[in-house]
């Protein structure tokens, strides 16, 4: 592990657990465990790093910025799928940053600043996205629409949509098998969740972040 800070364009996700102080110790500990498992997985998958601090706050940084919204949505769905359902607030930002592996809470730079400030501004919204790239500034409103849609998903819908998004072949039979349910039931839940709109939003954000960084 290098002691030198890495400075380049990254995506930073800053978040916290909604109403964490009202959760029982059992539920809170289960939530932190689930959150840690998810962050570990995405760190390995997307050249990332993460930290959980102050009890209910967390940060994630990835050197594959185009994947940041995928991670944000998946994190939210995974916790909404828990019993009881848990919600989190997440602020994502793309920009220059400097950080040491294993010490991202001391990271500096545009992406960290914008992500942290974005979280402080969140009131009724749960997912926000910002960047220094003017070409993707229009996605703020799109993200607000996506956020409102995600807020309306039930626990079962969140679990099913997440399984679909994580599925390699995006086949309803595969999703049904992974959840131990029949295909017709899975299709009904996915359709009621308007899952294609969520998938299209993620694809749109990924492509536009890629394009902005290549310009």
N, C-alpha and C. Protein backbone atom coordinates (compact mmCIF):
# COMPACT_ATOMS: atom_id res chain seq x y z
N UNK A 1 0.84 -1.20 0.00
CA UNK A 1 0.00 0.00 0.00
C UNK A 1 0.88 1.24 0.00
N UNK A 2 0.66 2.17 -0.93
CA UNK A 2 1.48 3.36 -1.03
C UNK A 2 1.03 4.43 -0.05
N UNK A 3 2.04 5.17 0.51
CA UNK A 3 1.73 6.27 1.40
C UNK A 3 1.47 7.56 0.64
N UNK A 4 1.76 7.56 -0.66
CA UNK A 4 1.58 8.77 -1.46
C UNK A 4 0.11 8.99 -1.79
N UNK A 5 -0.39 10.22 -1.63
CA UNK A 5 -1.78 10.50 -2.01
C UNK A 5 -1.96 10.29 -3.51
N UNK A 6 -3.12 9.74 -3.90
CA UNK A 6 -3.45 9.59 -5.30
C UNK A 6 -4.31 10.77 -5.73
N UNK A 7 -3.86 11.50 -6.76
CA UNK A 7 -4.60 12.65 -7.23
C UNK A 7 -5.04 12.42 -8.67
N UNK A 8 -6.30 12.37 -8.91
CA UNK A 8 -6.85 12.23 -10.25
C UNK A 8 -8.35 12.49 -10.19
N UNK A 9 -9.02 12.30 -11.31
CA UNK A 9 -10.47 12.49 -11.33
C UNK A 9 -11.13 11.22 -10.79
N UNK A 10 -11.91 11.39 -9.76
CA UNK A 10 -12.60 10.27 -9.13
C UNK A 10 -14.05 10.66 -8.87
N UNK A 11 -14.80 9.72 -8.37
CA UNK A 11 -16.15 10.00 -7.89
C UNK A 11 -16.19 9.70 -6.40
N UNK A 12 -16.79 10.59 -5.64
CA UNK A 12 -16.91 10.43 -4.20
C UNK A 12 -18.38 10.38 -3.81
N UNK A 13 -18.70 9.44 -2.97
CA UNK A 13 -20.05 9.28 -2.45
C UNK A 13 -19.98 9.49 -0.93
N UNK A 14 -20.76 10.44 -0.43
CA UNK A 14 -20.84 10.68 1.00
C UNK A 14 -22.27 10.44 1.44
N UNK A 15 -22.46 9.68 2.51
CA UNK A 15 -23.82 9.36 2.92
C UNK A 15 -23.98 9.18 4.41
N UNK A 16 -25.22 9.08 4.83
CA UNK A 16 -25.52 8.73 6.21
C UNK A 16 -26.84 7.98 6.29
N UNK A 17 -27.06 7.34 7.42
CA UNK A 17 -28.28 6.55 7.63
C UNK A 17 -29.37 7.46 8.18
N UNK A 18 -30.52 7.43 7.54
CA UNK A 18 -31.64 8.28 7.95
C UNK A 18 -32.21 7.82 9.30
N UNK A 19 -32.38 8.76 10.21
CA UNK A 19 -32.97 8.51 11.53
C UNK A 19 -32.28 7.35 12.25
N UNK A 20 -30.97 7.32 12.18
CA UNK A 20 -30.22 6.21 12.78
C UNK A 20 -30.40 6.14 14.30
N UNK A 21 -30.60 7.29 14.94
CA UNK A 21 -30.72 7.31 16.40
C UNK A 21 -32.01 6.66 16.90
N UNK A 22 -32.98 6.51 16.00
CA UNK A 22 -34.24 5.89 16.39
C UNK A 22 -34.22 4.38 16.23
N UNK A 23 -33.14 3.84 15.67
CA UNK A 23 -33.04 2.40 15.43
C UNK A 23 -32.58 1.69 16.70
N UNK A 24 -33.06 0.48 16.89
CA UNK A 24 -32.59 -0.33 18.02
C UNK A 24 -31.15 -0.74 17.75
N UNK A 25 -30.44 -1.14 18.78
CA UNK A 25 -29.05 -1.57 18.61
C UNK A 25 -28.96 -2.74 17.64
N UNK A 26 -29.91 -3.64 17.73
CA UNK A 26 -29.92 -4.82 16.86
C UNK A 26 -30.05 -4.42 15.39
N UNK A 27 -31.01 -3.54 15.11
CA UNK A 27 -31.25 -3.10 13.73
C UNK A 27 -30.09 -2.25 13.23
N UNK A 28 -29.58 -1.37 14.09
CA UNK A 28 -28.47 -0.50 13.69
C UNK A 28 -27.23 -1.33 13.35
N UNK A 29 -26.90 -2.30 14.17
CA UNK A 29 -25.73 -3.14 13.92
C UNK A 29 -25.90 -3.96 12.64
N UNK A 30 -27.11 -4.44 12.40
CA UNK A 30 -27.37 -5.20 11.17
C UNK A 30 -27.24 -4.29 9.95
N UNK A 31 -27.67 -3.04 10.09
CA UNK A 31 -27.57 -2.08 9.00
C UNK A 31 -26.12 -1.77 8.67
N UNK A 32 -25.31 -1.53 9.70
CA UNK A 32 -23.89 -1.25 9.49
C UNK A 32 -23.19 -2.44 8.85
N UNK A 33 -23.53 -3.63 9.29
CA UNK A 33 -22.93 -4.84 8.71
C UNK A 33 -23.26 -4.96 7.23
N UNK A 34 -24.55 -4.75 6.89
CA UNK A 34 -24.98 -4.83 5.50
C UNK A 34 -24.30 -3.75 4.66
N UNK A 35 -24.23 -2.55 5.21
CA UNK A 35 -23.60 -1.43 4.51
C UNK A 35 -22.13 -1.71 4.24
N UNK A 36 -21.44 -2.24 5.25
CA UNK A 36 -20.02 -2.55 5.11
C UNK A 36 -19.79 -3.62 4.04
N UNK A 37 -20.64 -4.64 4.02
CA UNK A 37 -20.50 -5.70 3.02
C UNK A 37 -20.68 -5.15 1.61
N UNK A 38 -21.67 -4.26 1.44
CA UNK A 38 -21.91 -3.66 0.14
C UNK A 38 -20.72 -2.80 -0.29
N UNK A 39 -20.23 -1.96 0.61
CA UNK A 39 -19.12 -1.07 0.28
C UNK A 39 -17.84 -1.84 -0.02
N UNK A 40 -17.61 -2.93 0.70
CA UNK A 40 -16.45 -3.77 0.42
C UNK A 40 -16.54 -4.35 -0.98
N UNK A 41 -17.73 -4.83 -1.33
CA UNK A 41 -17.93 -5.42 -2.64
C UNK A 41 -17.70 -4.43 -3.77
N UNK A 42 -18.24 -3.23 -3.63
CA UNK A 42 -18.08 -2.22 -4.68
C UNK A 42 -16.67 -1.66 -4.73
N UNK A 43 -15.98 -1.67 -3.60
CA UNK A 43 -14.58 -1.24 -3.59
C UNK A 43 -13.73 -2.19 -4.43
N UNK A 44 -13.97 -3.47 -4.29
CA UNK A 44 -13.24 -4.47 -5.06
C UNK A 44 -13.61 -4.42 -6.54
N UNK A 45 -14.88 -4.19 -6.81
CA UNK A 45 -15.39 -4.23 -8.18
C UNK A 45 -15.01 -3.01 -9.00
N UNK A 46 -14.97 -1.85 -8.36
CA UNK A 46 -14.80 -0.59 -9.09
C UNK A 46 -13.55 0.20 -8.66
N UNK A 47 -12.49 -0.47 -8.27
CA UNK A 47 -11.24 0.20 -7.89
C UNK A 47 -11.54 1.30 -6.87
N UNK A 48 -12.16 0.91 -5.79
CA UNK A 48 -12.59 1.90 -4.82
C UNK A 48 -12.02 1.69 -3.43
N UNK A 49 -12.46 2.55 -2.54
CA UNK A 49 -12.10 2.49 -1.13
C UNK A 49 -13.27 3.10 -0.37
N UNK A 50 -13.38 2.78 0.91
CA UNK A 50 -14.51 3.29 1.68
C UNK A 50 -14.12 3.47 3.14
N UNK A 51 -14.98 4.18 3.86
CA UNK A 51 -14.81 4.32 5.30
C UNK A 51 -16.18 4.55 5.92
N UNK A 52 -16.38 4.04 7.11
CA UNK A 52 -17.60 4.29 7.89
C UNK A 52 -17.15 4.98 9.17
N UNK A 53 -17.76 6.13 9.47
CA UNK A 53 -17.28 6.91 10.61
C UNK A 53 -18.45 7.63 11.30
N UNK A 54 -18.18 8.15 12.46
CA UNK A 54 -19.18 8.83 13.29
C UNK A 54 -20.42 7.95 13.51
N UNK A 55 -20.25 6.66 13.41
CA UNK A 55 -21.35 5.75 13.68
C UNK A 55 -22.26 5.50 12.50
N UNK A 56 -22.83 6.58 11.93
CA UNK A 56 -23.83 6.38 10.88
C UNK A 56 -23.46 7.04 9.56
N UNK A 57 -22.24 7.54 9.42
CA UNK A 57 -21.82 8.22 8.19
C UNK A 57 -20.82 7.35 7.43
N UNK A 58 -20.74 7.54 6.12
CA UNK A 58 -19.83 6.74 5.32
C UNK A 58 -19.41 7.49 4.06
N UNK A 59 -18.27 7.09 3.53
CA UNK A 59 -17.78 7.62 2.26
C UNK A 59 -17.26 6.48 1.40
N UNK A 60 -17.39 6.68 0.10
CA UNK A 60 -16.89 5.71 -0.87
C UNK A 60 -16.27 6.51 -2.01
N UNK A 61 -15.11 6.10 -2.47
CA UNK A 61 -14.46 6.76 -3.60
C UNK A 61 -14.09 5.70 -4.62
N UNK A 62 -14.30 6.02 -5.90
CA UNK A 62 -13.97 5.07 -6.95
C UNK A 62 -13.20 5.76 -8.07
N UNK A 63 -12.25 5.04 -8.63
CA UNK A 63 -11.49 5.53 -9.76
C UNK A 63 -12.18 5.19 -11.08
N UNK A 64 -13.42 4.72 -10.99
CA UNK A 64 -14.28 4.53 -12.15
C UNK A 64 -15.52 5.41 -11.94
N UNK A 65 -15.37 6.73 -12.12
CA UNK A 65 -16.44 7.68 -11.80
C UNK A 65 -17.78 7.39 -12.46
N UNK A 66 -17.76 6.80 -13.66
CA UNK A 66 -19.00 6.54 -14.37
C UNK A 66 -19.88 5.52 -13.65
N UNK A 67 -19.34 4.84 -12.64
CA UNK A 67 -20.10 3.83 -11.91
C UNK A 67 -20.70 4.35 -10.60
N UNK A 68 -20.51 5.61 -10.28
CA UNK A 68 -20.90 6.12 -8.98
C UNK A 68 -22.41 6.08 -8.75
N UNK A 69 -23.20 6.36 -9.77
CA UNK A 69 -24.66 6.33 -9.59
C UNK A 69 -25.15 4.90 -9.45
N UNK A 70 -24.52 3.96 -10.16
CA UNK A 70 -24.86 2.55 -9.98
C UNK A 70 -24.68 2.14 -8.52
N UNK A 71 -23.56 2.57 -7.92
CA UNK A 71 -23.28 2.23 -6.53
C UNK A 71 -24.29 2.89 -5.60
N UNK A 72 -24.58 4.17 -5.85
CA UNK A 72 -25.52 4.89 -4.98
C UNK A 72 -26.90 4.24 -4.99
N UNK A 73 -27.40 3.92 -6.16
CA UNK A 73 -28.72 3.30 -6.27
C UNK A 73 -28.73 1.91 -5.64
N UNK A 74 -27.68 1.14 -5.90
CA UNK A 74 -27.61 -0.21 -5.34
C UNK A 74 -27.54 -0.19 -3.81
N UNK A 75 -26.77 0.75 -3.26
CA UNK A 75 -26.69 0.88 -1.80
C UNK A 75 -28.06 1.19 -1.21
N UNK A 76 -28.74 2.11 -1.85
CA UNK A 76 -30.05 2.50 -1.32
C UNK A 76 -31.05 1.35 -1.41
N UNK A 77 -31.08 0.67 -2.54
CA UNK A 77 -32.00 -0.45 -2.71
C UNK A 77 -31.69 -1.58 -1.73
N UNK A 78 -30.41 -1.85 -1.50
CA UNK A 78 -30.03 -2.95 -0.62
C UNK A 78 -30.51 -2.71 0.81
N UNK A 79 -30.47 -1.46 1.26
CA UNK A 79 -30.92 -1.17 2.62
C UNK A 79 -32.44 -1.03 2.70
N UNK A 80 -33.06 -0.53 1.63
CA UNK A 80 -34.53 -0.48 1.60
C UNK A 80 -35.12 -1.89 1.57
N UNK A 81 -34.32 -2.86 1.09
CA UNK A 81 -34.78 -4.24 1.01
C UNK A 81 -34.68 -4.98 2.34
N UNK A 82 -34.03 -4.35 3.33
CA UNK A 82 -33.88 -4.99 4.64
C UNK A 82 -35.20 -5.01 5.41
N UNK A 83 -35.23 -5.80 6.45
CA UNK A 83 -36.40 -5.84 7.34
C UNK A 83 -35.94 -5.52 8.76
N UNK A 84 -36.34 -4.35 9.29
CA UNK A 84 -37.16 -3.32 8.64
C UNK A 84 -36.39 -2.57 7.55
N UNK A 85 -37.14 -1.92 6.66
CA UNK A 85 -36.55 -1.17 5.57
C UNK A 85 -35.82 0.06 6.11
N UNK A 86 -34.59 0.26 5.63
CA UNK A 86 -33.74 1.37 6.07
C UNK A 86 -33.46 2.29 4.88
N UNK A 87 -33.48 3.60 5.12
CA UNK A 87 -33.15 4.52 4.03
C UNK A 87 -31.89 5.29 4.38
N UNK A 88 -31.20 5.74 3.34
CA UNK A 88 -29.97 6.50 3.50
C UNK A 88 -29.99 7.71 2.58
N UNK A 89 -29.22 8.72 2.95
CA UNK A 89 -29.03 9.89 2.11
C UNK A 89 -27.64 9.79 1.49
N UNK A 90 -27.55 10.11 0.20
CA UNK A 90 -26.29 9.96 -0.52
C UNK A 90 -26.06 11.16 -1.43
N UNK A 91 -24.86 11.72 -1.34
CA UNK A 91 -24.45 12.80 -2.24
C UNK A 91 -23.24 12.34 -3.04
N UNK A 92 -23.37 12.35 -4.37
CA UNK A 92 -22.29 11.91 -5.25
C UNK A 92 -21.69 13.10 -5.99
N UNK A 93 -20.38 13.06 -6.20
CA UNK A 93 -19.71 14.13 -6.94
C UNK A 93 -18.54 13.56 -7.72
N UNK A 94 -18.30 14.15 -8.90
CA UNK A 94 -17.18 13.77 -9.75
C UNK A 94 -16.24 14.96 -9.87
N UNK A 95 -14.95 14.73 -9.66
CA UNK A 95 -13.98 15.82 -9.76
C UNK A 95 -12.60 15.38 -9.33
N UNK A 96 -11.67 16.31 -9.29
CA UNK A 96 -10.32 16.00 -8.85
C UNK A 96 -10.30 15.75 -7.35
N UNK A 97 -9.42 14.86 -6.91
CA UNK A 97 -9.31 14.57 -5.49
C UNK A 97 -7.95 13.96 -5.19
N UNK A 98 -7.54 14.12 -3.95
CA UNK A 98 -6.29 13.52 -3.48
C UNK A 98 -6.59 12.75 -2.20
N UNK A 99 -6.15 11.49 -2.15
CA UNK A 99 -6.42 10.67 -0.97
C UNK A 99 -5.43 9.52 -0.88
N UNK A 100 -5.31 8.98 0.33
CA UNK A 100 -4.50 7.79 0.56
C UNK A 100 -5.42 6.60 0.75
N UNK A 101 -5.05 5.49 0.17
CA UNK A 101 -5.82 4.27 0.35
C UNK A 101 -5.95 3.96 1.84
N UNK A 102 -7.18 3.68 2.28
CA UNK A 102 -7.42 3.37 3.67
C UNK A 102 -7.63 4.59 4.55
N UNK A 103 -7.52 5.79 3.96
CA UNK A 103 -7.68 7.02 4.74
C UNK A 103 -8.54 8.03 3.99
N UNK A 104 -9.59 7.58 3.36
CA UNK A 104 -10.33 8.49 2.48
C UNK A 104 -11.08 9.58 3.25
N UNK A 105 -11.34 9.38 4.54
CA UNK A 105 -12.04 10.43 5.28
C UNK A 105 -11.17 11.67 5.46
N UNK A 106 -9.86 11.54 5.17
CA UNK A 106 -8.97 12.70 5.20
C UNK A 106 -8.66 13.17 3.78
N UNK A 107 -9.38 12.66 2.79
CA UNK A 107 -9.17 13.04 1.41
C UNK A 107 -9.49 14.51 1.18
N UNK A 108 -8.82 15.11 0.20
CA UNK A 108 -9.03 16.51 -0.14
C UNK A 108 -9.30 16.65 -1.62
N UNK A 109 -9.80 17.82 -2.00
CA UNK A 109 -10.04 18.08 -3.41
C UNK A 109 -11.51 18.31 -3.70
N UNK A 110 -11.75 18.71 -4.93
CA UNK A 110 -13.07 19.11 -5.38
C UNK A 110 -14.15 18.06 -5.12
N UNK A 111 -13.89 16.82 -5.48
CA UNK A 111 -14.90 15.78 -5.36
C UNK A 111 -15.34 15.58 -3.91
N UNK A 112 -14.38 15.59 -2.99
CA UNK A 112 -14.72 15.42 -1.57
C UNK A 112 -15.52 16.61 -1.04
N UNK A 113 -15.10 17.82 -1.42
CA UNK A 113 -15.78 19.03 -0.94
C UNK A 113 -17.22 19.09 -1.46
N UNK A 114 -17.39 18.88 -2.76
CA UNK A 114 -18.72 18.96 -3.36
C UNK A 114 -19.64 17.88 -2.83
N UNK A 115 -19.12 16.67 -2.66
CA UNK A 115 -19.93 15.57 -2.14
C UNK A 115 -20.38 15.85 -0.71
N UNK A 116 -19.45 16.31 0.13
CA UNK A 116 -19.79 16.61 1.52
C UNK A 116 -20.80 17.73 1.65
N UNK A 117 -20.60 18.80 0.88
CA UNK A 117 -21.55 19.93 0.92
C UNK A 117 -22.91 19.50 0.39
N UNK A 118 -22.90 18.63 -0.62
CA UNK A 118 -24.16 18.16 -1.18
C UNK A 118 -24.99 17.42 -0.15
N UNK A 119 -24.32 16.61 0.67
CA UNK A 119 -25.04 15.87 1.71
C UNK A 119 -25.66 16.83 2.73
N UNK A 120 -24.92 17.86 3.09
CA UNK A 120 -25.43 18.84 4.06
C UNK A 120 -26.68 19.56 3.55
N UNK A 121 -26.79 19.68 2.22
CA UNK A 121 -27.92 20.40 1.63
C UNK A 121 -29.16 19.51 1.47
N UNK A 122 -28.98 18.20 1.54
CA UNK A 122 -30.11 17.30 1.33
C UNK A 122 -31.12 17.43 2.47
N UNK A 123 -32.36 17.67 2.12
CA UNK A 123 -33.44 17.77 3.11
C UNK A 123 -34.47 16.68 2.84
N UNK A 124 -35.28 16.88 1.79
CA UNK A 124 -36.30 15.89 1.44
C UNK A 124 -35.80 14.91 0.38
N UNK A 125 -34.66 15.21 -0.23
CA UNK A 125 -34.09 14.35 -1.26
C UNK A 125 -33.14 13.35 -0.63
N UNK A 126 -32.96 12.19 -1.28
CA UNK A 126 -32.11 11.15 -0.72
C UNK A 126 -30.86 10.85 -1.56
N UNK A 127 -30.91 11.12 -2.85
CA UNK A 127 -29.73 10.95 -3.71
C UNK A 127 -29.53 12.23 -4.51
N UNK A 128 -28.30 12.73 -4.50
CA UNK A 128 -27.96 13.92 -5.27
C UNK A 128 -26.67 13.66 -6.04
N UNK A 129 -26.52 14.35 -7.17
CA UNK A 129 -25.32 14.21 -7.99
C UNK A 129 -24.87 15.58 -8.47
N UNK A 130 -23.54 15.80 -8.43
CA UNK A 130 -23.00 17.07 -8.91
C UNK A 130 -21.60 16.82 -9.47
N UNK A 131 -21.13 17.74 -10.30
CA UNK A 131 -19.79 17.64 -10.85
C UNK A 131 -19.38 19.00 -11.42
N UNK A 132 -18.11 19.11 -11.79
CA UNK A 132 -17.60 20.35 -12.38
C UNK A 132 -17.83 20.39 -13.88
N UNK A 133 -18.36 19.31 -14.44
CA UNK A 133 -18.55 19.23 -15.88
C UNK A 133 -19.90 19.85 -16.28
N UNK A 134 -19.86 20.94 -17.02
CA UNK A 134 -21.08 21.63 -17.43
C UNK A 134 -21.97 20.74 -18.30
N UNK A 135 -21.36 19.83 -19.05
CA UNK A 135 -22.11 19.00 -19.99
C UNK A 135 -23.05 18.02 -19.29
N UNK A 136 -22.87 17.81 -17.98
CA UNK A 136 -23.79 16.91 -17.27
C UNK A 136 -24.52 17.62 -16.13
N UNK A 137 -24.52 18.95 -16.17
CA UNK A 137 -25.23 19.70 -15.13
C UNK A 137 -26.74 19.49 -15.22
N UNK A 138 -27.21 19.14 -16.42
CA UNK A 138 -28.66 18.92 -16.61
C UNK A 138 -29.15 17.67 -15.89
N UNK A 139 -28.24 16.82 -15.45
CA UNK A 139 -28.66 15.57 -14.81
C UNK A 139 -29.15 15.77 -13.38
N UNK A 140 -28.98 16.96 -12.81
CA UNK A 140 -29.46 17.23 -11.45
C UNK A 140 -30.96 16.97 -11.36
N UNK A 141 -31.70 17.51 -12.31
CA UNK A 141 -33.16 17.35 -12.29
C UNK A 141 -33.54 15.90 -12.54
N UNK A 142 -32.86 15.25 -13.46
CA UNK A 142 -33.14 13.85 -13.76
C UNK A 142 -32.93 12.99 -12.52
N UNK A 143 -31.88 13.28 -11.77
CA UNK A 143 -31.59 12.53 -10.55
C UNK A 143 -32.67 12.76 -9.50
N UNK A 144 -33.22 13.96 -9.43
CA UNK A 144 -34.31 14.22 -8.49
C UNK A 144 -35.54 13.38 -8.84
N UNK A 145 -35.84 13.24 -10.12
CA UNK A 145 -36.96 12.39 -10.53
C UNK A 145 -36.69 10.93 -10.15
N UNK A 146 -35.48 10.46 -10.44
CA UNK A 146 -35.12 9.07 -10.11
C UNK A 146 -35.19 8.84 -8.61
N UNK A 147 -34.74 9.82 -7.85
CA UNK A 147 -34.75 9.72 -6.39
C UNK A 147 -36.17 9.59 -5.86
N UNK A 148 -37.08 10.39 -6.40
CA UNK A 148 -38.48 10.33 -5.98
C UNK A 148 -39.09 8.97 -6.31
N UNK A 149 -38.72 8.42 -7.45
CA UNK A 149 -39.25 7.11 -7.83
C UNK A 149 -38.73 6.03 -6.88
N UNK A 150 -37.45 6.06 -6.57
CA UNK A 150 -36.87 5.07 -5.66
C UNK A 150 -37.50 5.15 -4.27
N UNK A 151 -37.85 6.36 -3.84
CA UNK A 151 -38.45 6.53 -2.52
C UNK A 151 -39.78 5.81 -2.41
N UNK A 152 -40.47 5.65 -3.53
CA UNK A 152 -41.78 5.02 -3.51
C UNK A 152 -41.76 3.51 -3.61
N UNK A 153 -40.59 2.91 -3.78
CA UNK A 153 -40.50 1.45 -3.90
C UNK A 153 -40.68 0.78 -2.54
N UNK A 154 -41.41 -0.32 -2.53
CA UNK A 154 -41.61 -1.08 -1.31
C UNK A 154 -40.36 -1.92 -1.01
N UNK A 155 -40.37 -2.57 0.13
CA UNK A 155 -39.26 -3.44 0.50
C UNK A 155 -39.08 -4.56 -0.54
N UNK A 156 -40.18 -5.20 -0.93
CA UNK A 156 -40.11 -6.30 -1.91
C UNK A 156 -39.67 -5.78 -3.27
N UNK A 157 -40.19 -4.64 -3.68
CA UNK A 157 -39.80 -4.06 -4.97
C UNK A 157 -38.31 -3.70 -4.97
N UNK A 158 -37.83 -3.15 -3.87
CA UNK A 158 -36.41 -2.78 -3.78
C UNK A 158 -35.53 -4.02 -3.91
N UNK A 159 -35.89 -5.08 -3.22
CA UNK A 159 -35.14 -6.33 -3.28
C UNK A 159 -35.12 -6.89 -4.70
N UNK A 160 -36.27 -6.85 -5.37
CA UNK A 160 -36.40 -7.44 -6.70
C UNK A 160 -35.68 -6.62 -7.76
N UNK A 161 -35.81 -5.30 -7.69
CA UNK A 161 -35.11 -4.43 -8.65
C UNK A 161 -33.61 -4.55 -8.47
N UNK A 162 -33.13 -4.62 -7.23
CA UNK A 162 -31.70 -4.78 -6.99
C UNK A 162 -31.20 -6.09 -7.58
N UNK A 163 -31.95 -7.17 -7.38
CA UNK A 163 -31.56 -8.47 -7.93
C UNK A 163 -31.48 -8.41 -9.45
N UNK A 164 -32.41 -7.68 -10.06
CA UNK A 164 -32.38 -7.52 -11.52
C UNK A 164 -31.14 -6.74 -11.96
N UNK A 165 -30.85 -5.64 -11.29
CA UNK A 165 -29.70 -4.81 -11.65
C UNK A 165 -28.39 -5.57 -11.47
N UNK A 166 -28.33 -6.43 -10.46
CA UNK A 166 -27.12 -7.21 -10.19
C UNK A 166 -27.00 -8.44 -11.08
N UNK A 167 -28.08 -8.81 -11.73
CA UNK A 167 -28.07 -10.01 -12.58
C UNK A 167 -27.18 -9.80 -13.80
N UNK A 168 -26.37 -10.79 -14.13
CA UNK A 168 -25.45 -10.68 -15.27
C UNK A 168 -26.21 -10.65 -16.59
N UNK A 169 -27.23 -11.49 -16.73
CA UNK A 169 -27.92 -11.59 -18.02
C UNK A 169 -29.24 -10.83 -18.06
N UNK A 170 -29.63 -10.23 -16.95
CA UNK A 170 -30.88 -9.46 -16.87
C UNK A 170 -32.09 -10.30 -17.30
N UNK A 171 -32.04 -11.58 -16.97
CA UNK A 171 -33.11 -12.51 -17.32
C UNK A 171 -34.03 -12.69 -16.12
N UNK A 172 -35.34 -12.61 -16.35
CA UNK A 172 -36.29 -12.72 -15.24
C UNK A 172 -36.22 -14.08 -14.56
N UNK A 173 -35.90 -15.12 -15.33
CA UNK A 173 -35.76 -16.45 -14.74
C UNK A 173 -34.59 -16.48 -13.75
N UNK A 174 -33.49 -15.81 -14.12
CA UNK A 174 -32.32 -15.76 -13.24
C UNK A 174 -32.62 -15.00 -11.96
N UNK A 175 -33.36 -13.89 -12.10
CA UNK A 175 -33.75 -13.10 -10.94
C UNK A 175 -34.64 -13.92 -10.02
N UNK A 176 -35.61 -14.62 -10.62
CA UNK A 176 -36.53 -15.45 -9.84
C UNK A 176 -35.77 -16.53 -9.09
N UNK A 177 -34.80 -17.15 -9.76
CA UNK A 177 -34.02 -18.21 -9.14
C UNK A 177 -33.20 -17.68 -7.96
N UNK A 178 -32.61 -16.49 -8.12
CA UNK A 178 -31.77 -15.93 -7.06
C UNK A 178 -32.58 -15.55 -5.83
N UNK A 179 -33.87 -15.24 -6.03
CA UNK A 179 -34.73 -14.84 -4.91
C UNK A 179 -35.64 -15.96 -4.43
N UNK A 180 -35.60 -17.10 -5.11
CA UNK A 180 -36.44 -18.22 -4.71
C UNK A 180 -37.92 -17.98 -4.96
N UNK A 181 -38.23 -17.25 -6.02
CA UNK A 181 -39.63 -16.96 -6.37
C UNK A 181 -39.91 -17.41 -7.79
N UNK A 182 -41.19 -17.49 -8.14
CA UNK A 182 -41.51 -17.91 -9.50
C UNK A 182 -41.40 -16.72 -10.47
N UNK A 183 -41.19 -17.05 -11.73
CA UNK A 183 -40.90 -16.02 -12.73
C UNK A 183 -42.04 -15.03 -12.89
N UNK A 184 -43.26 -15.53 -12.93
CA UNK A 184 -44.41 -14.64 -13.16
C UNK A 184 -44.54 -13.60 -12.05
N UNK A 185 -44.25 -14.02 -10.83
CA UNK A 185 -44.31 -13.09 -9.70
C UNK A 185 -43.22 -12.02 -9.81
N UNK A 186 -42.03 -12.46 -10.21
CA UNK A 186 -40.92 -11.52 -10.39
C UNK A 186 -41.23 -10.52 -11.48
N UNK A 187 -41.76 -10.98 -12.59
CA UNK A 187 -42.11 -10.09 -13.70
C UNK A 187 -43.15 -9.06 -13.26
N UNK A 188 -44.12 -9.51 -12.50
CA UNK A 188 -45.17 -8.61 -12.01
C UNK A 188 -44.58 -7.52 -11.11
N UNK A 189 -43.69 -7.93 -10.21
CA UNK A 189 -43.07 -6.97 -9.29
C UNK A 189 -42.19 -5.98 -10.04
N UNK A 190 -41.40 -6.49 -10.99
CA UNK A 190 -40.52 -5.62 -11.76
C UNK A 190 -41.31 -4.60 -12.57
N UNK A 191 -42.37 -5.06 -13.21
CA UNK A 191 -43.19 -4.15 -14.02
C UNK A 191 -43.84 -3.07 -13.15
N UNK A 192 -44.31 -3.47 -11.97
CA UNK A 192 -44.94 -2.50 -11.06
C UNK A 192 -43.90 -1.50 -10.54
N UNK A 193 -42.64 -1.91 -10.54
CA UNK A 193 -41.55 -1.05 -10.06
C UNK A 193 -41.02 -0.14 -11.16
N UNK A 194 -41.50 -0.33 -12.40
CA UNK A 194 -40.98 0.42 -13.56
C UNK A 194 -39.46 0.29 -13.62
N UNK A 195 -39.03 -0.96 -13.53
CA UNK A 195 -37.60 -1.25 -13.45
C UNK A 195 -36.82 -0.80 -14.67
N UNK A 196 -37.45 -0.78 -15.83
CA UNK A 196 -36.73 -0.36 -17.04
C UNK A 196 -36.36 1.11 -16.98
N UNK A 197 -37.20 1.92 -16.34
CA UNK A 197 -36.88 3.34 -16.19
C UNK A 197 -35.64 3.50 -15.30
N UNK A 198 -35.55 2.70 -14.24
CA UNK A 198 -34.38 2.76 -13.35
C UNK A 198 -33.13 2.33 -14.09
N UNK A 199 -33.23 1.23 -14.84
CA UNK A 199 -32.07 0.74 -15.61
C UNK A 199 -31.66 1.75 -16.67
N UNK A 200 -32.64 2.37 -17.33
CA UNK A 200 -32.33 3.38 -18.36
C UNK A 200 -31.66 4.60 -17.74
N UNK A 201 -32.10 5.00 -16.55
CA UNK A 201 -31.49 6.13 -15.86
C UNK A 201 -30.03 5.84 -15.55
N UNK A 202 -29.74 4.65 -15.05
CA UNK A 202 -28.37 4.27 -14.73
C UNK A 202 -27.49 4.25 -15.98
N UNK A 203 -28.02 3.71 -17.07
CA UNK A 203 -27.25 3.68 -18.32
C UNK A 203 -26.99 5.10 -18.83
N UNK A 204 -28.01 5.95 -18.73
CA UNK A 204 -27.89 7.34 -19.18
C UNK A 204 -26.81 8.07 -18.39
N UNK A 205 -26.84 7.93 -17.07
CA UNK A 205 -25.85 8.61 -16.24
C UNK A 205 -24.45 8.08 -16.52
N UNK A 206 -24.30 6.78 -16.66
CA UNK A 206 -22.99 6.19 -16.92
C UNK A 206 -22.40 6.73 -18.21
N UNK A 207 -23.19 6.75 -19.26
CA UNK A 207 -22.70 7.20 -20.57
C UNK A 207 -22.36 8.68 -20.56
N UNK A 208 -23.18 9.49 -19.90
CA UNK A 208 -22.94 10.94 -19.89
C UNK A 208 -21.74 11.30 -19.02
N UNK A 209 -21.51 10.58 -17.94
CA UNK A 209 -20.32 10.84 -17.14
C UNK A 209 -19.08 10.45 -17.92
N UNK A 210 -19.13 9.33 -18.62
CA UNK A 210 -18.01 8.89 -19.46
C UNK A 210 -17.69 9.94 -20.53
N UNK A 211 -18.74 10.40 -21.21
CA UNK A 211 -18.57 11.37 -22.29
C UNK A 211 -17.99 12.68 -21.76
N UNK A 212 -18.48 13.14 -20.61
CA UNK A 212 -17.99 14.39 -20.04
C UNK A 212 -16.51 14.30 -19.70
N UNK A 213 -16.06 13.17 -19.20
CA UNK A 213 -14.68 13.00 -18.81
C UNK A 213 -13.74 12.87 -20.01
N UNK A 214 -14.29 12.43 -21.13
CA UNK A 214 -13.47 12.25 -22.33
C UNK A 214 -13.38 13.50 -23.18
N UNK A 215 -14.26 14.46 -22.89
CA UNK A 215 -14.30 15.69 -23.71
C UNK A 215 -13.06 16.54 -23.49
